Protein backbone atom coordinates (compact mmCIF):
# COMPACT_ATOMS: atom_id res chain seq x y z
CA MET A 1 0.00 0.00 0.00
CA PHE A 2 0.83 3.70 -0.21
CA GLU A 3 3.55 3.51 -2.92
CA THR A 4 1.98 6.35 -4.94
CA LEU A 5 1.27 8.44 -1.83
CA THR A 6 4.86 7.98 -0.63
CA LYS A 7 6.23 9.06 -4.01
CA ARG A 8 3.97 12.14 -4.18
CA LEU A 9 4.74 13.28 -0.64
CA SER A 10 8.47 12.87 -1.23
CA GLY A 11 8.07 15.19 -4.21
CA VAL A 12 6.26 17.76 -2.05
CA PHE A 13 8.99 17.79 0.60
CA SER A 14 11.85 18.05 -1.90
CA SER A 15 10.11 20.96 -3.67
CA LEU A 16 10.35 23.06 -0.51
CA GLY A 17 14.12 23.18 -0.95
CA THR A 18 16.32 25.00 1.54
CA LYS A 19 14.31 28.16 2.27
CA SER A 20 14.85 29.92 5.57
CA ASN A 21 11.13 30.14 6.38
CA LEU A 22 7.81 28.86 5.08
CA THR A 23 5.65 31.51 3.42
CA GLU A 24 1.91 31.19 2.94
CA THR A 25 2.53 30.70 -0.80
CA ASP A 26 4.94 27.82 -0.08
CA VAL A 27 2.46 26.17 2.25
CA THR A 28 -0.50 26.68 -0.10
CA SER A 29 1.41 25.08 -2.97
CA ALA A 30 2.54 22.15 -0.82
CA LEU A 31 -0.96 21.67 0.59
CA ARG A 32 -2.44 21.48 -2.89
CA GLU A 33 -0.10 18.60 -3.73
CA ILE A 34 -0.69 16.90 -0.36
CA ARG A 35 -4.47 17.17 -0.88
CA ILE A 36 -4.21 15.59 -4.34
CA ALA A 37 -1.92 12.85 -3.00
CA LEU A 38 -4.35 11.96 -0.20
CA LEU A 39 -7.39 11.94 -2.49
CA GLU A 40 -5.58 9.75 -5.01
CA ALA A 41 -4.75 7.36 -2.17
CA ASP A 42 -8.51 7.04 -1.52
CA VAL A 43 -8.50 8.91 1.82
CA ALA A 44 -12.01 10.03 2.80
CA LEU A 45 -12.70 13.68 1.91
CA PRO A 46 -13.52 14.79 5.52
CA VAL A 47 -10.20 13.30 6.65
CA VAL A 48 -8.31 15.02 3.82
CA LYS A 49 -9.82 18.37 4.86
CA SER A 50 -9.01 17.73 8.50
CA ILE A 51 -5.36 16.83 7.75
CA THR A 52 -4.69 19.74 5.38
CA THR A 53 -6.32 22.28 7.69
CA ALA A 54 -4.15 21.11 10.59
CA ILE A 55 -0.99 21.21 8.45
CA LYS A 56 -1.75 24.74 7.24
CA GLU A 57 -2.29 26.02 10.78
CA GLN A 58 1.02 24.56 11.95
CA ALA A 59 3.20 25.23 8.91
CA THR A 60 2.34 28.80 7.82
CA GLY A 61 4.95 31.28 9.00
CA GLU A 62 6.96 28.64 10.84
CA LYS A 63 10.57 29.54 11.39
CA ILE A 64 12.92 26.80 10.34
CA ILE A 65 14.56 25.18 13.35
CA LYS A 66 18.33 25.46 13.20
CA GLY A 67 19.90 22.45 11.57
CA THR A 68 16.75 21.43 9.71
CA SER A 69 15.20 22.19 6.33
CA PRO A 70 11.63 23.17 5.38
CA SER A 71 11.10 19.70 3.93
CA GLN A 72 12.09 18.07 7.24
CA GLN A 73 9.88 20.41 9.23
CA VAL A 74 6.83 19.90 7.01
CA ALA A 75 7.54 16.14 7.00
CA LYS A 76 7.42 16.23 10.82
CA ILE A 77 4.05 18.05 10.77
CA VAL A 78 2.61 15.66 8.17
CA HIS A 79 3.96 12.67 10.11
CA ASP A 80 2.31 13.80 13.35
CA GLU A 81 -1.03 14.43 11.61
CA ILE A 82 -0.97 11.02 9.93
CA VAL A 83 -0.19 9.31 13.25
CA LYS A 84 -3.09 11.18 14.85
CA ARG A 85 -5.52 10.03 12.10
CA LEU A 86 -4.28 6.45 12.43
CA GLY A 87 -5.19 6.43 16.10
CA GLY A 88 -2.12 7.86 17.81
CA GLU A 89 -0.94 5.09 20.11
CA GLN A 90 -0.95 1.39 19.29
CA SER A 91 -4.30 -0.02 20.47
CA GLU A 92 -3.89 -3.26 22.41
CA LEU A 93 -6.37 -6.10 22.72
CA ASN A 94 -8.52 -6.04 25.84
CA ILE A 95 -7.85 -9.61 27.00
CA SER A 96 -6.69 -8.97 30.55
CA LYS A 97 -9.37 -11.16 32.14
CA SER A 98 -9.60 -14.94 31.71
CA PRO A 99 -11.44 -16.11 29.77
CA SER A 100 -11.68 -13.17 27.37
CA ILE A 101 -14.05 -13.26 24.41
CA ILE A 102 -13.36 -11.90 20.93
CA LEU A 103 -16.20 -11.59 18.40
CA MET A 104 -15.15 -11.56 14.73
CA ALA A 105 -17.38 -9.70 12.25
CA GLY A 106 -17.21 -8.61 8.64
CA LEU A 107 -18.59 -8.83 5.13
CA GLN A 108 -18.62 -12.00 3.09
CA GLY A 109 -15.13 -12.67 1.76
CA SER A 110 -13.42 -10.14 4.03
CA GLY A 111 -11.09 -12.77 5.51
CA LYS A 112 -12.75 -13.35 8.91
CA THR A 113 -12.05 -17.07 9.21
CA THR A 114 -8.43 -16.74 8.03
CA SER A 115 -7.95 -13.79 10.40
CA SER A 116 -9.45 -15.80 13.26
CA GLY A 117 -6.76 -18.43 12.69
CA LYS A 118 -4.00 -15.82 12.43
CA LEU A 119 -5.17 -14.12 15.63
CA ALA A 120 -5.35 -17.50 17.40
CA LEU A 121 -1.74 -18.26 16.41
CA HIS A 122 -0.66 -14.77 17.53
CA LEU A 123 -2.25 -15.32 20.96
CA LYS A 124 -0.93 -18.88 21.21
CA GLU A 125 2.60 -17.56 20.68
CA GLN A 126 1.98 -15.25 23.65
CA GLY A 127 1.22 -18.30 25.81
CA LYS A 128 -2.58 -18.04 25.68
CA LYS A 129 -4.77 -21.14 25.47
CA VAL A 130 -7.29 -20.38 22.74
CA LEU A 131 -10.61 -21.91 21.72
CA MET A 132 -12.06 -21.06 18.31
CA ALA A 133 -15.74 -21.44 17.45
CA SER A 134 -17.63 -20.78 14.24
CA ALA A 135 -21.28 -19.71 13.98
CA ASP A 136 -21.24 -19.63 10.18
CA VAL A 137 -23.99 -22.13 9.43
CA TYR A 138 -24.71 -20.59 6.02
CA ARG A 139 -21.54 -20.93 3.96
CA PRO A 140 -20.87 -24.55 2.97
CA ALA A 141 -18.11 -26.15 5.08
CA ALA A 142 -17.32 -22.83 6.83
CA ARG A 143 -17.15 -24.45 10.26
CA GLU A 144 -15.06 -27.31 8.85
CA GLN A 145 -12.64 -24.72 7.45
CA LEU A 146 -12.09 -23.25 10.93
CA LYS A 147 -11.67 -26.76 12.35
CA MET A 148 -8.98 -27.58 9.76
CA LEU A 149 -7.25 -24.28 10.51
CA GLY A 150 -7.26 -25.14 14.20
CA GLU A 151 -5.74 -28.57 13.56
CA LYS A 152 -3.02 -27.01 11.43
CA LEU A 153 -2.17 -24.40 14.06
CA GLY A 154 -2.58 -26.63 17.11
CA VAL A 155 -5.53 -24.58 18.39
CA ASP A 156 -8.71 -26.18 19.80
CA THR A 157 -12.04 -25.64 18.05
CA LEU A 158 -15.59 -26.11 19.29
CA GLU A 159 -17.15 -29.41 18.27
CA ILE A 160 -19.42 -29.13 15.23
CA ILE A 161 -23.04 -30.17 15.75
CA ASP A 162 -25.26 -30.30 12.67
CA LYS A 163 -28.40 -28.16 12.41
CA GLU A 164 -27.43 -25.97 15.38
CA ASP A 165 -28.31 -22.30 15.08
CA PRO A 166 -25.76 -19.49 15.77
CA ILE A 167 -27.25 -18.46 19.14
CA ASN A 168 -27.12 -22.02 20.48
CA ILE A 169 -23.55 -22.37 19.18
CA ALA A 170 -22.71 -19.21 21.14
CA LYS A 171 -24.32 -20.58 24.32
CA ARG A 172 -22.46 -23.89 23.98
CA ALA A 173 -19.13 -22.13 23.36
CA LEU A 174 -19.53 -20.23 26.65
CA LYS A 175 -20.04 -23.51 28.51
CA GLU A 176 -16.83 -24.96 27.04
CA LEU A 177 -14.57 -22.11 28.15
CA LYS A 178 -13.20 -23.66 31.35
CA GLY A 179 -9.41 -23.87 31.11
CA TYR A 180 -9.17 -21.46 28.18
CA ASP A 181 -7.77 -17.94 28.20
CA VAL A 182 -9.47 -16.66 25.04
CA LEU A 183 -12.50 -17.55 22.91
CA ILE A 184 -12.40 -16.38 19.28
CA PHE A 185 -15.96 -16.50 17.97
CA ASP A 186 -16.13 -16.40 14.17
CA THR A 187 -19.43 -15.32 12.62
CA ALA A 188 -21.01 -15.62 9.19
CA GLY A 189 -20.16 -13.07 6.53
CA ARG A 190 -22.92 -10.58 5.93
CA THR A 191 -23.65 -7.38 4.06
CA GLN A 192 -24.47 -4.18 5.93
CA LEU A 193 -27.71 -4.06 3.93
CA ASP A 194 -28.90 -7.45 5.19
CA ASP A 195 -31.08 -6.52 8.20
CA ALA A 196 -31.72 -10.13 9.26
CA MET A 197 -28.00 -10.99 9.35
CA MET A 198 -27.10 -7.75 11.11
CA ASN A 199 -29.79 -8.43 13.73
CA GLU A 200 -28.38 -11.94 14.21
CA ILE A 201 -24.86 -10.72 14.96
CA ALA A 202 -26.28 -8.11 17.34
CA LEU A 203 -28.04 -10.96 19.21
CA ILE A 204 -24.78 -12.96 19.29
CA GLU A 205 -22.98 -9.97 20.76
CA LYS A 206 -25.68 -9.65 23.41
CA GLU A 207 -25.40 -13.36 24.22
CA ILE A 208 -21.62 -13.71 24.56
CA LYS A 209 -20.85 -10.17 25.85
CA PRO A 210 -17.44 -9.97 24.11
CA ASP A 211 -14.47 -8.04 25.44
CA GLU A 212 -13.45 -7.26 21.86
CA VAL A 213 -15.53 -6.90 18.69
CA LEU A 214 -13.11 -6.96 15.76
CA LEU A 215 -14.25 -6.08 12.25
CA CYS A 216 -12.33 -7.57 9.33
CA VAL A 217 -12.19 -5.20 6.36
CA ASP A 218 -10.50 -5.83 3.03
CA ALA A 219 -7.95 -3.11 2.20
CA MET A 220 -8.50 -3.82 -1.49
CA THR A 221 -12.08 -2.44 -1.30
CA GLY A 222 -10.69 1.04 -0.66
CA GLN A 223 -13.10 3.74 0.46
CA GLU A 224 -16.00 1.29 0.63
CA SER A 225 -14.32 -0.44 3.58
CA VAL A 226 -14.67 2.78 5.59
CA ASN A 227 -18.42 2.83 4.90
CA VAL A 228 -18.60 -0.84 5.94
CA ALA A 229 -16.84 -0.06 9.23
CA LYS A 230 -19.26 2.77 9.94
CA ALA A 231 -22.29 0.54 9.20
CA PHE A 232 -21.05 -2.23 11.52
CA HIS A 233 -20.20 0.33 14.20
CA ASP A 234 -23.85 1.45 14.14
CA THR A 235 -24.95 -2.14 14.91
CA LEU A 236 -22.17 -3.45 17.17
CA THR A 237 -19.97 -2.08 19.91
CA LEU A 238 -17.00 -2.15 17.58
CA THR A 239 -13.68 -2.04 19.44
CA GLY A 240 -11.15 -2.62 16.68
CA ILE A 241 -10.40 -3.43 13.08
CA ILE A 242 -8.30 -6.05 11.34
CA MET A 243 -7.29 -4.81 7.90
CA THR A 244 -6.86 -7.81 5.61
CA ARG A 245 -4.93 -8.02 2.32
CA ALA A 246 -2.82 -5.02 3.36
CA ASP A 247 0.01 -6.42 1.23
CA GLY A 248 -1.94 -5.94 -2.00
CA ASP A 249 -2.09 -3.09 -4.49
CA ALA A 250 -4.58 -1.06 -2.46
CA ARG A 251 -4.05 2.69 -2.38
CA GLY A 252 -4.20 2.59 1.42
CA GLY A 253 -6.50 5.51 2.12
CA ALA A 254 -8.93 3.34 4.06
CA ALA A 255 -6.32 2.89 6.78
CA LEU A 256 -5.93 6.65 7.13
CA SER A 257 -9.70 7.17 7.22
CA MET A 258 -10.81 4.26 9.39
CA LYS A 259 -10.35 5.63 12.91
CA GLU A 260 -11.72 9.10 12.23
CA ILE A 261 -14.80 7.91 10.30
CA SER A 262 -15.72 4.73 12.22
CA GLY A 263 -14.35 5.53 15.67
CA ALA A 264 -12.60 2.14 15.86
CA PRO A 265 -8.79 1.80 15.73
CA ILE A 266 -6.95 -0.64 13.47
CA LYS A 267 -5.42 -3.28 15.74
CA PHE A 268 -3.93 -5.77 13.26
CA THR A 269 -3.11 -6.09 9.58
CA GLY A 270 -3.05 -9.23 7.45
CA ILE A 271 -0.05 -9.05 5.12
CA GLY A 272 -0.14 -12.40 3.32
CA GLU A 273 -1.75 -15.82 3.09
CA LYS A 274 0.35 -17.70 5.65
CA PRO A 275 -0.87 -17.91 9.29
CA GLU A 276 2.15 -15.93 10.47
CA ASP A 277 1.50 -13.11 7.98
CA PHE A 278 -0.16 -11.03 10.67
CA GLU A 279 1.12 -7.82 12.25
CA ILE A 280 0.21 -5.68 15.23
CA PHE A 281 -0.74 -2.25 13.88
CA TYR A 282 1.50 0.61 15.00
CA PRO A 283 0.33 4.07 13.76
CA ASP A 284 3.77 5.68 14.08
CA ARG A 285 5.48 2.89 12.15
CA LEU A 286 2.99 3.07 9.28
CA ALA A 287 3.37 6.86 9.17
CA GLN A 288 7.12 6.43 8.79
CA ARG A 289 6.61 3.96 5.94
CA ILE A 290 4.17 6.33 4.21
CA LEU A 291 6.76 9.12 4.37
CA GLY A 292 9.49 6.81 3.00
CA MET A 293 11.38 6.77 6.31
CA GLY A 294 11.37 3.01 6.72
CA ASP A 295 10.53 0.99 9.81
CA VAL A 296 13.68 -0.35 11.43
CA VAL A 297 11.86 -1.66 14.52
CA THR A 298 9.58 -3.94 12.47
CA LEU A 299 12.58 -5.05 10.39
CA VAL A 300 14.45 -6.07 13.54
CA GLU A 301 11.40 -7.87 14.92
CA GLN A 302 11.03 -9.82 11.67
CA ALA A 303 14.71 -10.73 11.76
CA GLN A 304 14.49 -11.94 15.36
CA LYS A 305 11.31 -13.89 14.69
CA ASN A 306 12.27 -15.54 11.40
CA MET A 307 16.04 -15.77 11.18
CA ASP A 308 17.91 -18.64 12.81
CA GLU A 309 20.42 -16.91 15.06
CA ASP A 310 22.60 -20.03 15.38
CA GLU A 311 22.78 -20.31 11.60
CA VAL A 312 23.53 -16.60 11.30
CA LYS A 313 26.28 -16.96 13.91
CA LYS A 314 27.85 -19.86 11.99
CA LEU A 315 27.76 -17.83 8.79
CA SER A 316 29.35 -14.89 10.58
CA GLU A 317 32.13 -17.02 12.06
CA ARG A 318 32.95 -18.48 8.64
CA MET A 319 33.10 -15.03 7.09
CA MET A 320 35.18 -13.66 9.94
CA GLY A 321 37.58 -16.49 9.24
CA GLY A 322 37.85 -15.39 5.61
CA GLU A 323 35.58 -18.15 4.31
CA PHE A 324 32.65 -17.49 2.01
CA ASP A 325 31.50 -19.92 -0.67
CA PHE A 326 28.30 -20.63 -2.57
CA ASN A 327 26.98 -22.75 0.34
CA ASP A 328 27.15 -19.63 2.50
CA MET A 329 25.54 -17.51 -0.21
CA LEU A 330 22.68 -20.02 -0.49
CA ALA A 331 22.23 -20.10 3.30
CA GLN A 332 22.12 -16.31 3.32
CA MET A 333 19.41 -16.26 0.64
CA GLN A 334 17.34 -18.80 2.57
CA GLN A 335 17.59 -16.78 5.78
CA MET A 336 16.50 -13.60 3.99
CA LYS A 337 13.63 -15.44 2.29
CA LYS A 338 12.21 -16.26 5.72
CA MET A 339 11.80 -12.54 6.39
CA GLY A 340 9.48 -11.99 3.42
CA SER A 341 9.56 -10.50 -0.06
CA MET A 342 12.33 -8.18 -1.23
CA GLY A 343 9.79 -5.42 -1.87
CA GLY A 344 8.39 -5.79 1.66
CA LEU A 345 11.85 -5.59 3.22
CA LEU A 346 12.83 -2.53 1.18
CA LYS A 347 9.82 -0.64 2.54
CA LEU A 348 11.21 -1.16 6.05
CA LEU A 349 14.64 0.26 5.25
CA PRO A 350 14.98 4.05 5.69
CA GLY A 351 15.30 5.82 2.34
CA MET A 352 14.90 2.59 0.35
CA SER A 353 11.16 2.68 -0.44
CA GLY A 354 11.87 4.22 -3.83
CA MET A 355 14.39 1.53 -4.77
CA GLN A 356 11.80 -1.10 -5.70
CA GLU A 357 11.29 0.18 -9.24
CA LYS A 358 15.04 0.53 -9.83
CA LEU A 359 15.71 -3.01 -8.61
CA ALA A 360 12.84 -4.35 -10.70
CA ALA A 361 14.27 -2.57 -13.76
CA ALA A 362 17.64 -4.16 -12.99
CA GLY A 363 15.99 -7.57 -12.78
CA MET A 364 16.42 -7.89 -9.01
CA ASN A 365 13.26 -9.29 -7.45
CA ASP A 366 11.93 -12.41 -5.73
CA ASP A 367 11.95 -14.34 -9.02
CA THR A 368 15.64 -13.50 -9.43
CA ILE A 369 16.39 -14.84 -5.96
CA LYS A 370 14.47 -18.02 -6.80
CA GLN A 371 16.47 -18.45 -10.02
CA GLN A 372 19.79 -17.79 -8.27
CA THR A 373 18.89 -20.40 -5.67
CA ALA A 374 18.24 -22.90 -8.47
CA ILE A 375 21.63 -22.08 -10.06
CA ILE A 376 23.51 -22.73 -6.81
CA GLN A 377 21.54 -25.91 -6.17
CA SER A 378 22.55 -27.14 -9.66
CA MET A 379 26.23 -26.95 -8.69
CA THR A 380 28.12 -29.93 -7.29
CA LYS A 381 29.39 -29.84 -3.70
CA LYS A 382 32.89 -29.33 -5.05
CA GLU A 383 31.81 -26.38 -7.23
CA ARG A 384 30.02 -24.67 -4.37
CA LYS A 385 33.10 -24.91 -2.16
CA ASN A 386 35.57 -24.00 -4.91
CA PRO A 387 33.99 -21.42 -7.27
CA ASN A 388 37.38 -20.98 -9.00
CA ILE A 389 36.84 -24.27 -10.88
CA LEU A 390 33.70 -22.97 -12.63
CA LEU A 391 34.97 -23.04 -16.21
CA MET A 392 32.71 -22.78 -19.28
CA SER A 393 31.82 -26.48 -19.50
CA ARG A 394 30.66 -26.45 -15.88
CA LYS A 395 28.72 -23.19 -16.41
CA GLU A 396 26.92 -24.75 -19.39
CA ARG A 397 25.90 -27.77 -17.31
CA ILE A 398 24.72 -25.57 -14.40
CA ALA A 399 22.73 -23.33 -16.75
CA LYS A 400 21.01 -26.33 -18.30
CA GLY A 401 20.26 -27.87 -14.91
CA SER A 402 18.76 -24.69 -13.45
CA GLY A 403 16.87 -23.48 -16.50
CA ALA A 404 19.04 -20.35 -16.64
CA THR A 405 21.28 -18.88 -19.34
CA ILE A 406 25.07 -18.96 -19.20
CA LYS A 407 24.97 -15.16 -18.89
CA GLU A 408 22.77 -15.45 -15.77
CA VAL A 409 25.15 -18.01 -14.26
CA GLU A 410 28.11 -15.70 -14.90
CA LYS A 411 26.18 -12.77 -13.43
CA LEU A 412 25.64 -14.73 -10.20
CA ILE A 413 29.35 -15.62 -10.05
CA LYS A 414 30.25 -11.93 -10.38
CA GLN A 415 27.72 -11.11 -7.65
CA TYR A 416 29.31 -13.76 -5.44
CA GLU A 417 32.76 -12.26 -5.99
CA LYS A 418 31.48 -8.80 -5.04
CA MET A 419 29.80 -10.21 -1.92
CA LYS A 420 32.99 -11.98 -0.90
CA LYS A 421 34.84 -8.68 -1.19
CA THR A 422 32.12 -6.94 0.83
CA MET A 423 32.29 -9.63 3.52
CA LYS A 424 35.97 -8.86 4.05
CA GLN A 425 35.06 -5.20 4.56
CA MET A 426 32.32 -6.22 7.02
CA GLN A 427 34.85 -7.88 9.30
CA SER A 428 35.52 -4.51 10.88
CA MET A 429 31.81 -4.36 11.87
CA GLY A 430 31.87 -7.75 13.53
CA GLY A 431 30.19 -9.66 10.68
CA ILE A 432 26.46 -10.42 10.43
CA SER A 433 26.13 -11.16 14.15
CA GLY A 434 27.64 -7.75 14.85
CA MET A 435 25.13 -6.13 12.54
CA MET A 436 22.25 -8.01 14.18
CA GLU A 437 23.50 -6.91 17.60
CA MET A 438 23.64 -3.32 16.34
CA MET A 439 20.05 -3.62 15.06
CA LYS A 440 18.90 -5.04 18.41
CA ASN A 441 20.47 -2.04 20.15
CA MET A 442 18.57 0.23 17.75
CA LYS A 443 15.35 -1.51 18.74
CA SER A 444 15.97 -1.33 22.49
CA GLY A 445 17.12 2.27 22.26
CA ASP A 446 15.62 5.01 20.16
CA GLY A 447 17.20 4.12 16.80
CA GLY A 448 13.92 2.96 15.29
CA GLY A 449 11.93 6.02 16.24
CA PHE A 450 10.94 8.92 14.02
CA ASN A 451 13.70 11.43 13.54
CA PRO A 452 12.67 14.28 11.25
CA PHE A 453 16.03 15.99 11.50
CA GLY A 454 18.55 13.14 11.18
């Protein structure tokens, strides 16, 4: 999300140049571009007006703080306004009591059942014992889908009884809660225009008295998802939102509009199809991504969660000892793959959000990594350990075995040679483990926070 908005805002900030103060003309011109950028990103009109009015009040006539530029100062104002519209602070789940009850709601196809499983896994990893129950008696095999999800994740699900209505399922789920910390109650998909279905979920809410009512909205539906949230908020005591498919090509404006229009904060985002593709929503981190400032804290968390530290340590020790062969290069690729797509990682690196198009133009993307992995895997053990023996006959065999061209094989060999040279330079930084330690320090300190002047 937000690629176009990020690009447009970057253009606005750079256009302010190095002026000593911000005139009303400067601000008016910048606001016009910011307004267009927000509208193109599908931000609700009332929210656009609210943001631009606040920026104008703060920016007009502002003296430039020593050591900063107008672009940095306006970026700080825009950042703070975006954070405010996204909810300000990160909104935590209200699951302090045991058992706590979470009611899942949403339109048909919004990703409720998948999100229920993702949320269950998230809570399980926090040490919570979770029970999932489905009251979707309308969609064929909907309850069976939740049961299969539970089996895959190692999370208990309520026994399925045929011809049981949603209210009785809710009553039975409450009776089965002994020994559990959290109940996730999945409901049938509905449309906000379906009075009967909306009345049913209101009755379920009354029956189970949930601590959290989470609405799943599809980021791909754009502005319509904001209207959906408002409609559900009128029926339920909505406490939070899970934005699904946030990794897609959506323009992202719904996220900026959601809290102000519906009154409910975004608590989680679904960023992929796998159960672990689920993130806690942090307003300040998203604001930094929108402004192209990266998100080092999330990057570090992903590294700690997905990368094998023992494997990374072994790699580091080999490199520190002057060793680096194609086995190490392959291991490095596999570790990075665990952290997600190249495009997703670039968004988290400060100043690198605009590099995606350049890398794509240079042929560097996830498909390239996949092909390079195949090339290395087509080498013999001897070739991986001794790249110097890769003469033309061997390159031809490797190319044929991996489905690549000889040119692509030679390109990878050149890349390997450059990496080996870089690894020698990295020795002064303590290798990969040293870099990871540095990143951890950034996370525990203030290195990942917003710094408009640095």
